[in-house]
N, C-alpha and C. Protein backbone atom coordinates (compact mmCIF):
# COMPACT_ATOMS: atom_id res chain seq x y z
N MET A 1 0.79 -1.17 0.00
CA MET A 1 0.00 0.00 0.00
C MET A 1 0.86 1.26 0.00
N PHE A 2 1.95 1.27 0.75
CA PHE A 2 2.79 2.46 0.80
C PHE A 2 4.00 2.38 -0.14
N ILE A 3 4.27 1.21 -0.71
CA ILE A 3 5.46 1.02 -1.54
C ILE A 3 5.05 1.00 -3.00
N ASN A 4 5.76 1.75 -3.81
CA ASN A 4 5.50 1.79 -5.23
C ASN A 4 6.40 0.74 -5.90
N PRO A 5 5.87 -0.30 -6.52
CA PRO A 5 6.70 -1.37 -7.10
C PRO A 5 7.60 -0.90 -8.22
N ALA A 6 7.28 0.10 -8.96
CA ALA A 6 8.10 0.56 -10.08
C ALA A 6 9.43 1.10 -9.59
N PHE A 7 9.46 1.79 -8.49
CA PHE A 7 10.71 2.34 -7.97
C PHE A 7 11.63 1.23 -7.47
N ALA A 8 11.07 0.23 -6.86
CA ALA A 8 11.89 -0.87 -6.34
C ALA A 8 12.54 -1.64 -7.49
N GLN A 9 11.86 -1.85 -8.59
CA GLN A 9 12.41 -2.58 -9.72
C GLN A 9 13.50 -1.76 -10.42
N ALA A 10 13.34 -0.49 -10.51
CA ALA A 10 14.31 0.35 -11.21
C ALA A 10 15.64 0.36 -10.47
N THR A 11 15.64 0.45 -9.17
CA THR A 11 16.90 0.48 -8.42
C THR A 11 17.59 -0.87 -8.45
N THR A 12 16.84 -1.95 -8.47
CA THR A 12 17.44 -3.29 -8.52
C THR A 12 18.11 -3.53 -9.87
N ALA A 13 17.50 -3.12 -10.96
CA ALA A 13 18.06 -3.32 -12.29
C ALA A 13 19.34 -2.52 -12.47
N ALA A 14 19.41 -1.31 -11.99
CA ALA A 14 20.59 -0.47 -12.13
C ALA A 14 21.75 -1.02 -11.30
N ALA A 15 21.46 -1.53 -10.12
CA ALA A 15 22.51 -2.08 -9.27
C ALA A 15 23.06 -3.38 -9.84
N GLY A 16 22.26 -4.16 -10.51
CA GLY A 16 22.69 -5.44 -11.06
C GLY A 16 23.70 -5.29 -12.17
N SER A 17 23.56 -4.35 -13.08
CA SER A 17 24.50 -4.19 -14.18
C SER A 17 25.84 -3.64 -13.70
N SER A 18 25.85 -2.76 -12.73
CA SER A 18 27.11 -2.22 -12.24
C SER A 18 27.87 -3.26 -11.41
N SER A 19 27.15 -4.13 -10.70
CA SER A 19 27.85 -5.15 -9.91
C SER A 19 28.46 -6.21 -10.82
N MET A 20 27.82 -6.49 -11.97
CA MET A 20 28.36 -7.47 -12.91
C MET A 20 29.64 -6.94 -13.53
N THR A 21 29.69 -5.67 -13.88
CA THR A 21 30.90 -5.07 -14.43
C THR A 21 32.01 -5.08 -13.40
N GLY A 22 31.69 -4.76 -12.18
CA GLY A 22 32.68 -4.78 -11.10
C GLY A 22 33.23 -6.18 -10.88
N MET A 23 32.39 -7.17 -10.96
CA MET A 23 32.83 -8.55 -10.77
C MET A 23 33.78 -8.99 -11.88
N ILE A 24 33.49 -8.60 -13.11
CA ILE A 24 34.36 -8.95 -14.23
C ILE A 24 35.72 -8.27 -14.09
N VAL A 25 35.74 -7.02 -13.67
CA VAL A 25 36.99 -6.29 -13.47
C VAL A 25 37.81 -6.97 -12.37
N GLN A 26 37.16 -7.37 -11.28
CA GLN A 26 37.85 -8.05 -10.18
C GLN A 26 38.45 -9.37 -10.65
N LEU A 27 37.72 -10.15 -11.43
CA LEU A 27 38.23 -11.42 -11.94
C LEU A 27 39.43 -11.21 -12.85
N LEU A 28 39.38 -10.17 -13.69
CA LEU A 28 40.51 -9.87 -14.56
C LEU A 28 41.74 -9.45 -13.75
N LEU A 29 41.54 -8.67 -12.71
CA LEU A 29 42.66 -8.27 -11.85
C LEU A 29 43.26 -9.48 -11.13
N ILE A 30 42.42 -10.37 -10.65
CA ILE A 30 42.91 -11.57 -9.97
C ILE A 30 43.73 -12.42 -10.95
N PHE A 31 43.24 -12.60 -12.16
CA PHE A 31 43.97 -13.38 -13.15
C PHE A 31 45.31 -12.73 -13.49
N ALA A 32 45.34 -11.40 -13.63
CA ALA A 32 46.58 -10.70 -13.94
C ALA A 32 47.60 -10.88 -12.83
N ILE A 33 47.18 -10.76 -11.59
CA ILE A 33 48.08 -10.94 -10.45
C ILE A 33 48.58 -12.39 -10.39
N PHE A 34 47.68 -13.33 -10.62
CA PHE A 34 48.03 -14.74 -10.63
C PHE A 34 49.07 -15.02 -11.71
N TYR A 35 48.90 -14.44 -12.89
CA TYR A 35 49.85 -14.63 -13.98
C TYR A 35 51.21 -14.04 -13.64
N ILE A 36 51.23 -12.84 -13.10
CA ILE A 36 52.49 -12.17 -12.79
C ILE A 36 53.25 -12.87 -11.67
N LEU A 37 52.55 -13.32 -10.64
CA LEU A 37 53.22 -13.90 -9.48
C LEU A 37 53.52 -15.39 -9.62
N LEU A 38 52.75 -16.14 -10.38
CA LEU A 38 52.94 -17.59 -10.43
C LEU A 38 53.34 -18.14 -11.79
N ILE A 39 52.63 -17.80 -12.82
CA ILE A 39 52.84 -18.44 -14.12
C ILE A 39 54.14 -17.97 -14.77
N ARG A 40 54.37 -16.67 -14.79
CA ARG A 40 55.55 -16.13 -15.46
C ARG A 40 56.87 -16.60 -14.84
N PRO A 41 57.02 -16.56 -13.51
CA PRO A 41 58.27 -17.06 -12.93
C PRO A 41 58.50 -18.55 -13.18
N GLN A 42 57.42 -19.34 -13.18
CA GLN A 42 57.56 -20.77 -13.44
C GLN A 42 58.02 -21.02 -14.87
N GLN A 43 57.50 -20.27 -15.83
CA GLN A 43 57.95 -20.41 -17.21
C GLN A 43 59.42 -20.04 -17.35
N LYS A 44 59.85 -19.01 -16.62
CA LYS A 44 61.25 -18.59 -16.67
C LYS A 44 62.15 -19.68 -16.11
N ARG A 45 61.75 -20.29 -14.98
CA ARG A 45 62.54 -21.38 -14.40
C ARG A 45 62.62 -22.57 -15.34
N MET A 46 61.52 -22.89 -16.02
CA MET A 46 61.50 -24.02 -16.95
C MET A 46 62.46 -23.77 -18.13
N LYS A 47 62.49 -22.55 -18.65
CA LYS A 47 63.39 -22.22 -19.75
C LYS A 47 64.85 -22.31 -19.30
N GLU A 48 65.16 -21.83 -18.10
CA GLU A 48 66.52 -21.91 -17.58
C GLU A 48 66.94 -23.37 -17.39
N HIS A 49 66.04 -24.20 -16.86
CA HIS A 49 66.35 -25.61 -16.64
C HIS A 49 66.57 -26.33 -17.98
N GLU A 50 65.76 -26.01 -18.97
CA GLU A 50 65.92 -26.62 -20.29
C GLU A 50 67.26 -26.21 -20.91
N ALA A 51 67.65 -24.96 -20.74
CA ALA A 51 68.94 -24.50 -21.26
C ALA A 51 70.09 -25.20 -20.54
N THR A 52 69.94 -25.43 -19.25
CA THR A 52 70.96 -26.15 -18.49
C THR A 52 71.09 -27.58 -18.98
N LEU A 53 69.96 -28.24 -19.22
CA LEU A 53 69.99 -29.62 -19.69
C LEU A 53 70.62 -29.72 -21.08
N ASN A 54 70.32 -28.77 -21.95
CA ASN A 54 70.87 -28.79 -23.30
C ASN A 54 72.37 -28.47 -23.32
N ALA A 55 72.89 -27.87 -22.24
CA ALA A 55 74.30 -27.51 -22.17
C ALA A 55 75.15 -28.58 -21.49
N ILE A 56 74.57 -29.71 -21.10
CA ILE A 56 75.34 -30.76 -20.43
C ILE A 56 76.33 -31.36 -21.43
N LYS A 57 77.55 -31.55 -20.95
CA LYS A 57 78.60 -32.11 -21.81
C LYS A 57 79.40 -33.14 -21.01
N LYS A 58 80.27 -33.82 -21.69
CA LYS A 58 81.11 -34.84 -21.07
C LYS A 58 81.96 -34.21 -19.97
N GLY A 59 82.01 -34.86 -18.82
CA GLY A 59 82.82 -34.37 -17.70
C GLY A 59 82.03 -33.60 -16.66
N ASP A 60 80.80 -33.20 -16.94
CA ASP A 60 79.97 -32.48 -15.97
C ASP A 60 79.52 -33.42 -14.86
N THR A 61 79.40 -32.89 -13.66
CA THR A 61 78.83 -33.64 -12.55
C THR A 61 77.37 -33.24 -12.42
N ILE A 62 76.49 -34.25 -12.38
CA ILE A 62 75.05 -33.98 -12.34
C ILE A 62 74.43 -34.58 -11.09
N LEU A 63 73.25 -34.09 -10.79
CA LEU A 63 72.42 -34.63 -9.72
C LEU A 63 71.12 -35.09 -10.36
N THR A 64 70.79 -36.37 -10.18
CA THR A 64 69.56 -36.89 -10.78
C THR A 64 68.37 -36.62 -9.86
N GLY A 65 67.19 -36.87 -10.37
CA GLY A 65 65.98 -36.68 -9.58
C GLY A 65 65.91 -37.61 -8.39
N GLY A 66 66.61 -38.73 -8.44
CA GLY A 66 66.64 -39.67 -7.33
C GLY A 66 67.67 -39.31 -6.27
N GLY A 67 68.44 -38.25 -6.50
CA GLY A 67 69.42 -37.81 -5.52
C GLY A 67 70.78 -38.45 -5.70
N VAL A 68 71.06 -38.99 -6.88
CA VAL A 68 72.33 -39.66 -7.15
C VAL A 68 73.25 -38.71 -7.92
N TYR A 69 74.47 -38.55 -7.42
CA TYR A 69 75.46 -37.74 -8.11
C TYR A 69 76.24 -38.63 -9.07
N GLY A 70 76.61 -38.10 -10.22
CA GLY A 70 77.39 -38.86 -11.17
C GLY A 70 78.10 -37.94 -12.13
N LYS A 71 79.08 -38.51 -12.82
CA LYS A 71 79.87 -37.76 -13.79
C LYS A 71 79.47 -38.23 -15.18
N VAL A 72 79.19 -37.29 -16.07
CA VAL A 72 78.74 -37.61 -17.42
C VAL A 72 79.91 -38.16 -18.23
N VAL A 73 79.74 -39.37 -18.76
CA VAL A 73 80.75 -40.00 -19.61
C VAL A 73 80.49 -39.64 -21.06
N SER A 74 79.21 -39.71 -21.48
CA SER A 74 78.85 -39.28 -22.82
C SER A 74 77.43 -38.72 -22.78
N ALA A 75 77.19 -37.73 -23.62
CA ALA A 75 75.89 -37.08 -23.67
C ALA A 75 75.32 -37.17 -25.07
N ASN A 76 74.11 -37.70 -25.18
CA ASN A 76 73.42 -37.76 -26.46
C ASN A 76 72.12 -36.96 -26.29
N ILE A 77 72.20 -35.66 -26.45
CA ILE A 77 71.08 -34.76 -26.18
C ILE A 77 69.94 -35.01 -27.17
N GLU A 78 70.27 -35.35 -28.42
CA GLU A 78 69.22 -35.58 -29.42
C GLU A 78 68.31 -36.75 -29.05
N GLN A 79 68.89 -37.79 -28.44
CA GLN A 79 68.10 -38.96 -28.04
C GLN A 79 67.69 -38.90 -26.57
N ASN A 80 67.96 -37.78 -25.90
CA ASN A 80 67.56 -37.54 -24.51
C ASN A 80 68.10 -38.60 -23.55
N GLU A 81 69.38 -38.93 -23.69
CA GLU A 81 69.98 -39.87 -22.75
C GLU A 81 71.43 -39.51 -22.49
N LEU A 82 71.89 -39.91 -21.31
CA LEU A 82 73.26 -39.67 -20.88
C LEU A 82 73.85 -40.97 -20.38
N GLN A 83 75.16 -41.13 -20.52
CA GLN A 83 75.89 -42.21 -19.88
C GLN A 83 76.58 -41.57 -18.67
N VAL A 84 76.25 -42.04 -17.48
CA VAL A 84 76.74 -41.42 -16.26
C VAL A 84 77.53 -42.44 -15.45
N GLU A 85 78.71 -42.02 -14.99
CA GLU A 85 79.55 -42.88 -14.14
C GLU A 85 79.24 -42.55 -12.69
N LEU A 86 78.73 -43.54 -11.96
CA LEU A 86 78.38 -43.35 -10.55
C LEU A 86 79.56 -43.65 -9.64
N ALA A 87 80.33 -44.66 -9.99
CA ALA A 87 81.53 -45.06 -9.25
C ALA A 87 82.52 -45.58 -10.28
N LYS A 88 83.70 -45.97 -9.82
CA LYS A 88 84.70 -46.47 -10.76
C LYS A 88 84.16 -47.70 -11.48
N ASP A 89 84.15 -47.65 -12.80
CA ASP A 89 83.68 -48.73 -13.67
C ASP A 89 82.19 -49.06 -13.50
N VAL A 90 81.40 -48.13 -12.99
CA VAL A 90 79.95 -48.32 -12.90
C VAL A 90 79.30 -47.20 -13.72
N VAL A 91 78.87 -47.57 -14.93
CA VAL A 91 78.28 -46.59 -15.85
C VAL A 91 76.84 -46.99 -16.10
N VAL A 92 75.93 -46.04 -15.96
CA VAL A 92 74.51 -46.28 -16.19
C VAL A 92 73.99 -45.31 -17.24
N LYS A 93 72.90 -45.71 -17.88
CA LYS A 93 72.25 -44.85 -18.86
C LYS A 93 71.12 -44.12 -18.13
N VAL A 94 71.07 -42.80 -18.26
CA VAL A 94 70.10 -41.97 -17.56
C VAL A 94 69.33 -41.14 -18.57
N ALA A 95 68.02 -41.06 -18.39
CA ALA A 95 67.20 -40.19 -19.23
C ALA A 95 67.49 -38.73 -18.89
N LEU A 96 67.55 -37.91 -19.88
CA LEU A 96 67.86 -36.50 -19.69
C LEU A 96 66.82 -35.81 -18.80
N ALA A 97 65.58 -36.25 -18.88
CA ALA A 97 64.50 -35.63 -18.10
C ALA A 97 64.66 -35.86 -16.60
N THR A 98 65.44 -36.86 -16.19
CA THR A 98 65.59 -37.15 -14.76
C THR A 98 66.70 -36.34 -14.12
N VAL A 99 67.44 -35.56 -14.90
CA VAL A 99 68.51 -34.74 -14.35
C VAL A 99 67.90 -33.53 -13.67
N ARG A 100 68.21 -33.37 -12.40
CA ARG A 100 67.67 -32.24 -11.63
C ARG A 100 68.55 -31.01 -11.78
N ASP A 101 69.89 -31.20 -11.72
CA ASP A 101 70.76 -30.04 -11.74
C ASP A 101 72.16 -30.45 -12.18
N VAL A 102 72.91 -29.49 -12.69
CA VAL A 102 74.32 -29.68 -12.98
C VAL A 102 75.07 -29.04 -11.82
N VAL A 103 75.91 -29.85 -11.16
CA VAL A 103 76.61 -29.40 -9.96
C VAL A 103 77.86 -28.63 -10.38
N LYS A 104 77.99 -27.41 -9.90
CA LYS A 104 79.13 -26.57 -10.26
C LYS A 104 80.39 -27.02 -9.52
N ASP A 105 80.31 -27.12 -8.20
CA ASP A 105 81.44 -27.58 -7.39
C ASP A 105 81.22 -29.03 -7.03
N GLU A 106 82.26 -29.83 -7.15
CA GLU A 106 82.10 -31.24 -6.84
C GLU A 106 81.81 -31.41 -5.35
N VAL A 107 80.98 -32.38 -5.06
CA VAL A 107 80.61 -32.67 -3.68
C VAL A 107 81.76 -33.42 -3.03
N LYS A 108 82.24 -32.90 -1.93
CA LYS A 108 83.32 -33.56 -1.21
C LYS A 108 82.77 -34.08 0.11
N PRO A 109 82.97 -35.37 0.40
CA PRO A 109 82.44 -35.91 1.65
C PRO A 109 83.17 -35.32 2.85
N ALA A 110 82.44 -35.18 3.93
CA ALA A 110 83.02 -34.66 5.17
C ALA A 110 83.87 -35.74 5.81
N ASN A 111 85.01 -35.36 6.34
CA ASN A 111 85.91 -36.30 7.01
C ASN A 111 85.83 -36.11 8.52
N ASN A 112 84.65 -36.14 9.06
CA ASN A 112 84.46 -35.94 10.49
C ASN A 112 84.72 -37.20 11.30
N ASN A 113 84.81 -38.35 10.64
CA ASN A 113 84.95 -39.61 11.36
C ASN A 113 86.41 -39.95 11.68
N LYS A 114 87.34 -39.20 11.19
CA LYS A 114 88.76 -39.47 11.47
C LYS A 114 89.09 -39.09 12.91
N LYS A 115 89.80 -39.98 13.56
CA LYS A 115 90.24 -39.69 14.92
C LYS A 115 91.64 -39.11 14.87
N SER A 116 91.84 -38.05 15.59
CA SER A 116 93.16 -37.42 15.59
C SER A 116 94.06 -38.16 16.57
N LYS A 117 95.30 -38.35 16.14
CA LYS A 117 96.28 -39.04 17.00
C LYS A 117 97.08 -38.00 17.76
N LYS A 118 97.17 -38.18 19.06
CA LYS A 118 97.92 -37.23 19.88
C LYS A 118 98.96 -37.95 20.66
């Protein structure tokens, strides 16, 4: 009796279109932030890792995905495989995709178990 239905409908329709535009802008901003903070750095890391793998050559020390260190005996990048020496006269074939990193400085075991003679 005291409420005019035409006024109530007009305000609801105007508010609906502006909230939809605001929601689309917010979703676009969220996607842009997500891309800048997560996707782009991951792509950069993947490119660097691929360049590292393609630069592996004979004599490099590598770390495999399983945590095994070895020295590259021969590298066949085209066929995605390496011949890696794990110990003296122990050579295994390793898929290039399983290489985690190329070790710059050779890993030297700690000699903490030696007893000093006095």
